[in-house]
N, C-alpha and C. Protein backbone atom coordinates (compact mmCIF):
# COMPACT_ATOMS: atom_id res chain seq x y z
N MET A 1 -5.65 7.94 6.77
CA MET A 1 -5.85 6.69 5.11
C MET A 1 -5.55 6.94 3.88
N ALA A 2 -6.43 7.41 3.45
CA ALA A 2 -6.65 7.17 2.21
C ALA A 2 -5.46 7.64 1.48
N ARG A 3 -4.74 8.51 2.06
CA ARG A 3 -3.92 9.82 1.41
C ARG A 3 -2.39 9.29 1.16
N ASP A 4 -2.36 8.43 2.30
CA ASP A 4 -1.27 7.82 2.76
C ASP A 4 -1.19 6.58 1.47
N LEU A 5 -2.63 5.89 1.30
CA LEU A 5 -1.68 4.79 0.28
C LEU A 5 -1.92 4.97 -0.86
N ALA A 6 -2.89 6.21 -1.26
CA ALA A 6 -2.59 7.11 -2.55
C ALA A 6 -1.12 7.47 -3.18
N LEU A 7 -0.72 8.30 -1.59
CA LEU A 7 0.59 8.52 -2.06
C LEU A 7 1.84 7.09 -2.43
N TYR A 8 1.78 5.74 -1.08
CA TYR A 8 2.31 4.63 -0.88
C TYR A 8 2.03 4.04 -2.93
N THR A 9 0.83 4.28 -3.06
CA THR A 9 0.81 3.11 -4.39
C THR A 9 1.19 3.98 -5.82
N VAL A 10 1.34 5.87 -5.64
CA VAL A 10 2.31 7.03 -6.67
C VAL A 10 3.76 6.71 -6.65
N ALA A 11 3.98 5.48 -5.54
CA ALA A 11 5.46 5.98 -5.43
C ALA A 11 6.00 5.10 -6.25
N ARG A 12 4.79 3.59 -5.95
CA ARG A 12 5.50 2.39 -6.05
C ARG A 12 5.17 2.19 -7.87
N LEU A 13 3.76 2.98 -7.98
CA LEU A 13 3.90 2.95 -9.80
C LEU A 13 5.01 3.95 -10.46
N GLY A 14 5.30 5.50 -9.85
CA GLY A 14 6.73 5.62 -10.33
C GLY A 14 7.67 5.15 -10.83
N LEU A 15 8.14 4.56 -9.04
CA LEU A 15 9.16 3.15 -9.20
C LEU A 15 9.15 2.06 -10.32
N VAL A 16 8.03 1.52 -11.12
CA VAL A 16 8.51 0.35 -11.79
C VAL A 16 8.53 1.68 -13.22
N ALA A 17 8.09 2.67 -13.48
CA ALA A 17 7.78 3.82 -14.71
C ALA A 17 9.13 4.13 -15.09
N VAL A 18 9.95 3.86 -13.46
CA VAL A 18 11.64 4.74 -13.73
C VAL A 18 12.27 3.75 -14.22
N ILE A 19 11.67 2.82 -13.38
CA ILE A 19 12.76 1.72 -13.61
C ILE A 19 12.65 1.29 -15.42
N ALA A 20 10.81 1.14 -16.13
CA ALA A 20 10.89 0.42 -16.69
C ALA A 20 11.66 1.59 -18.04
N ALA A 21 11.80 2.96 -17.88
CA ALA A 21 13.02 3.89 -18.96
C ALA A 21 13.68 3.46 -18.35
N VAL A 22 14.82 3.44 -17.31
CA VAL A 22 15.78 2.81 -17.78
C VAL A 22 16.54 1.52 -18.58
N ILE A 23 15.50 0.45 -18.08
CA ILE A 23 15.00 -0.71 -19.45
C ILE A 23 15.25 -0.11 -20.46
N TYR A 24 14.39 0.53 -20.81
CA TYR A 24 14.07 0.71 -22.32
C TYR A 24 15.04 1.49 -23.10
N GLY A 25 15.53 2.39 -22.29
CA GLY A 25 17.01 3.31 -22.75
C GLY A 25 18.00 2.37 -22.56
N GLY A 26 18.48 1.81 -21.99
CA GLY A 26 18.83 0.66 -21.80
C GLY A 26 19.07 -0.04 -22.90
N GLY A 27 18.21 -0.73 -23.49
CA GLY A 27 17.80 -1.39 -24.50
C GLY A 27 18.15 -0.34 -25.99
N LYS A 28 17.86 0.73 -26.22
CA LYS A 28 18.21 1.35 -26.90
C LYS A 28 19.30 1.91 -27.39
N VAL A 29 20.34 2.11 -26.13
CA VAL A 29 21.77 2.14 -26.49
C VAL A 29 22.49 1.17 -26.52
N ALA A 30 22.15 0.17 -25.62
CA ALA A 30 22.64 -1.53 -26.69
C ALA A 30 22.07 -2.24 -28.40
N GLY A 31 20.94 -1.11 -28.17
CA GLY A 31 20.83 -1.47 -30.08
C GLY A 31 19.62 -2.60 -30.19
N ILE A 32 19.53 -3.18 -28.82
CA ILE A 32 18.52 -3.89 -28.45
C ILE A 32 17.22 -3.56 -28.89
N GLU A 33 16.06 -4.24 -29.39
CA GLU A 33 14.78 -4.04 -28.92
C GLU A 33 13.84 -4.34 -28.22
N ILE A 34 14.20 -4.09 -27.06
CA ILE A 34 13.01 -4.91 -26.13
C ILE A 34 11.63 -4.62 -26.15
N PRO A 35 10.51 -6.14 -26.30
CA PRO A 35 9.45 -5.63 -25.93
C PRO A 35 8.53 -5.08 -24.65
N ILE A 36 7.41 -4.07 -25.07
CA ILE A 36 7.04 -3.56 -23.92
C ILE A 36 6.74 -4.04 -22.45
N LEU A 37 6.24 -4.90 -23.21
CA LEU A 37 5.60 -6.78 -22.06
C LEU A 37 6.73 -6.64 -21.13
N VAL A 38 7.95 -7.18 -21.95
CA VAL A 38 9.30 -8.23 -21.28
C VAL A 38 9.64 -6.44 -20.38
N ILE A 39 9.60 -4.95 -20.42
CA ILE A 39 9.91 -4.47 -19.57
C ILE A 39 9.35 -3.87 -18.50
N LEU A 40 8.11 -4.36 -19.18
CA LEU A 40 7.39 -4.11 -17.88
C LEU A 40 7.39 -4.71 -16.50
N ILE A 41 7.71 -6.10 -16.94
CA ILE A 41 7.26 -7.67 -16.28
C ILE A 41 8.91 -7.35 -15.34
N PHE A 42 10.09 -6.86 -16.57
CA PHE A 42 11.76 -6.65 -15.85
C PHE A 42 11.29 -5.91 -14.33
N ALA A 43 10.26 -4.69 -14.95
CA ALA A 43 10.73 -3.42 -13.89
C ALA A 43 9.48 -3.47 -12.89
N ILE A 44 8.54 -3.99 -13.13
CA ILE A 44 7.95 -5.15 -12.15
C ILE A 44 7.82 -5.96 -10.50
N LEU A 45 8.97 -7.04 -11.44
CA LEU A 45 9.44 -7.67 -10.43
C LEU A 45 11.22 -6.67 -9.67
N ILE A 46 11.78 -6.38 -10.41
CA ILE A 46 12.60 -5.15 -10.11
C ILE A 46 12.36 -4.54 -8.41
N ALA A 47 10.95 -3.87 -8.50
CA ALA A 47 10.72 -2.48 -8.34
C ALA A 47 9.94 -3.68 -6.86
N LEU A 48 9.34 -4.91 -6.63
CA LEU A 48 9.36 -5.15 -6.00
C LEU A 48 10.36 -5.57 -4.35
N PRO A 49 10.87 -5.66 -4.31
CA PRO A 49 11.30 -5.81 -3.48
C PRO A 49 12.72 -4.47 -2.97
N LEU A 50 12.88 -3.25 -3.95
CA LEU A 50 13.08 -1.97 -3.93
C LEU A 50 12.61 -1.02 -3.14
N SER A 51 11.04 -1.17 -3.74
CA SER A 51 9.73 -1.03 -3.21
C SER A 51 9.91 -0.95 -1.66
N LEU A 52 9.99 -2.29 -1.22
CA LEU A 52 9.98 -2.71 0.31
C LEU A 52 10.98 -2.05 1.25
N VAL A 53 12.59 -1.16 0.40
CA VAL A 53 13.13 -1.03 1.15
C VAL A 53 13.19 0.90 1.28
N LEU A 54 12.95 1.12 0.02
CA LEU A 54 13.29 2.39 -0.28
C LEU A 54 11.74 3.28 -0.33
N PHE A 55 10.83 2.14 0.32
CA PHE A 55 9.66 3.15 1.14
C PHE A 55 9.06 2.62 2.18
N ALA A 56 10.05 2.51 2.50
CA ALA A 56 9.72 1.64 4.09
C ALA A 56 8.61 2.21 5.19
N SER A 57 9.21 3.25 5.50
CA SER A 57 8.32 4.31 6.07
C SER A 57 7.25 5.30 6.17
N LEU A 58 6.52 4.93 4.18
CA LEU A 58 5.57 5.08 4.01
C LEU A 58 4.79 3.93 4.11
N ARG A 59 5.45 2.92 4.19
CA ARG A 59 4.76 1.53 3.95
C ARG A 59 3.96 1.46 5.91
N ARG A 60 5.43 1.78 6.49
CA ARG A 60 4.88 1.28 7.76
C ARG A 60 3.57 2.52 8.05
N ARG A 61 3.58 3.86 7.58
CA ARG A 61 2.66 4.93 7.98
C ARG A 61 1.17 4.26 7.55
N VAL A 62 1.48 3.48 5.97
CA VAL A 62 -0.38 2.88 5.84
C VAL A 62 -0.56 1.47 6.43
N ASN A 63 0.31 0.60 7.15
CA ASN A 63 0.06 -0.45 8.12
C ASN A 63 -0.39 0.06 9.78
N GLU A 64 0.03 1.29 9.98
CA GLU A 64 -1.00 1.89 11.26
C GLU A 64 -1.55 2.43 10.97
N SER A 65 -1.83 3.15 9.75
CA SER A 65 -3.14 3.30 9.61
C SER A 65 -4.49 2.74 9.60
N ILE A 66 -4.67 1.70 8.35
CA ILE A 66 -4.97 0.51 8.59
C ILE A 66 -5.09 -0.17 9.84
N ALA A 67 -3.91 -0.59 10.79
CA ALA A 67 -4.33 -1.00 12.37
C ALA A 67 -5.41 -0.02 12.80
N ALA A 68 -5.15 1.12 13.01
CA ALA A 68 -5.98 1.95 13.42
C ALA A 68 -7.52 2.22 13.14
N VAL A 69 -7.88 2.09 11.83
CA VAL A 69 -9.31 1.77 10.68
C VAL A 69 -9.84 0.22 11.48
N ASP A 70 -8.91 -0.33 11.91
CA ASP A 70 -9.02 -2.06 11.87
C ASP A 70 -9.42 -1.97 13.60
N GLU A 71 -9.00 -1.51 14.44
CA GLU A 71 -9.14 -1.01 15.41
C GLU A 71 -9.69 -0.75 16.53
N ARG A 72 -10.60 0.48 15.24
CA ARG A 72 -12.32 1.31 15.54
C ARG A 72 -12.84 0.78 15.33
N ARG A 73 -13.19 -0.42 13.96
CA ARG A 73 -14.24 -0.61 13.49
C ARG A 73 -14.41 -1.88 14.05
N ARG A 74 -13.44 -2.80 15.28
CA ARG A 74 -13.46 -3.90 16.42
C ARG A 74 -14.54 -2.84 17.29
N ARG A 75 -13.56 -2.55 17.58
CA ARG A 75 -14.24 -1.46 18.57
C ARG A 75 -15.92 -1.82 18.89
N ASP A 76 -16.01 -0.63 17.41
CA ASP A 76 -17.46 -0.46 17.28
C ASP A 76 -18.63 -1.80 16.94
N LYS A 77 -17.48 -2.42 16.44
CA LYS A 77 -19.15 -4.61 16.82
C LYS A 77 -19.07 -4.26 17.73
N ALA A 78 -18.13 -4.54 18.55
CA ALA A 78 -17.56 -4.73 20.01
C ALA A 78 -19.32 -4.08 21.25
N GLU A 79 -19.12 -3.12 20.47
CA GLU A 79 -20.01 -1.83 21.21
C GLU A 79 -21.69 -2.25 20.45
N LEU A 80 -21.79 -3.05 19.44
CA LEU A 80 -23.06 -2.71 18.42
C LEU A 80 -23.51 -4.05 19.06
N ARG A 81 -22.92 -5.01 19.26
CA ARG A 81 -23.24 -6.21 19.75
C ARG A 81 -23.85 -6.37 21.28
N SER A 82 -22.68 -5.77 22.33
CA SER A 82 -23.37 -4.97 23.95
C SER A 82 -24.36 -4.63 23.72
N LYS A 83 -24.66 -3.59 22.84
CA LYS A 83 -25.69 -2.95 22.47
C LYS A 83 -27.18 -4.09 22.39
N LEU A 84 -26.77 -4.63 20.95
CA LEU A 84 -27.92 -5.45 20.95
C LEU A 84 -28.03 -6.51 21.67
N ARG A 85 -27.11 -6.99 22.63
CA ARG A 85 -28.06 -7.66 24.26
C ARG A 85 -28.50 -7.60 24.99
N GLY A 86 -28.37 -6.23 25.10
CA GLY A 86 -29.16 -5.44 25.95
C GLY A 86 -27.85 -5.22 27.20
N ASP A 87 -26.84 -4.72 26.97
CA ASP A 87 -26.27 -4.72 27.98
C ASP A 87 -25.66 -2.90 28.37
N ARG A 88 -25.53 -3.28 29.43
CA ARG A 88 -25.59 -1.54 29.53
C ARG A 88 -24.35 -0.97 29.57
N PRO A 89 -24.45 0.30 28.82
CA PRO A 89 -23.31 1.05 28.54
C PRO A 89 -22.02 1.68 29.13
N ALA A 90 -20.47 1.48 29.37
CA ALA A 90 -19.95 1.58 30.46
C ALA A 90 -19.91 2.80 30.69
N GLY A 91 -20.88 3.13 32.22
CA GLY A 91 -20.43 4.68 32.73
C GLY A 91 -21.44 5.29 33.04
N SER A 92 -23.14 4.37 32.44
CA SER A 92 -24.25 4.20 32.44
C SER A 92 -24.67 4.13 33.64
N ARG A 93 -25.83 5.38 34.49
CA ARG A 93 -26.33 4.80 35.61
C ARG A 93 -27.95 4.16 35.37
N GLU A 94 -28.32 3.86 36.14
CA GLU A 94 -29.96 3.44 35.94
C GLU A 94 -30.91 4.68 36.65
């Protein structure tokens, strides 16, 4: 899960960097001085919907990993509560 999440984060940050570079370069070509903060804000706003489309499979893998971890945590919690109540574990004999 951590690898997929890190890869997704790096991909999104890379997309922001590429878009920011394109905006910066476009401003230089047009002879316009655009403040870096404005470039970053526009790059983030443009990257948000683009990343949903471009990185859909990676995002899906991250969501599946999170769901698996959440299910495992829920199962472990139920097992612990069962033990605390004094219930017998499934499959045990007296």
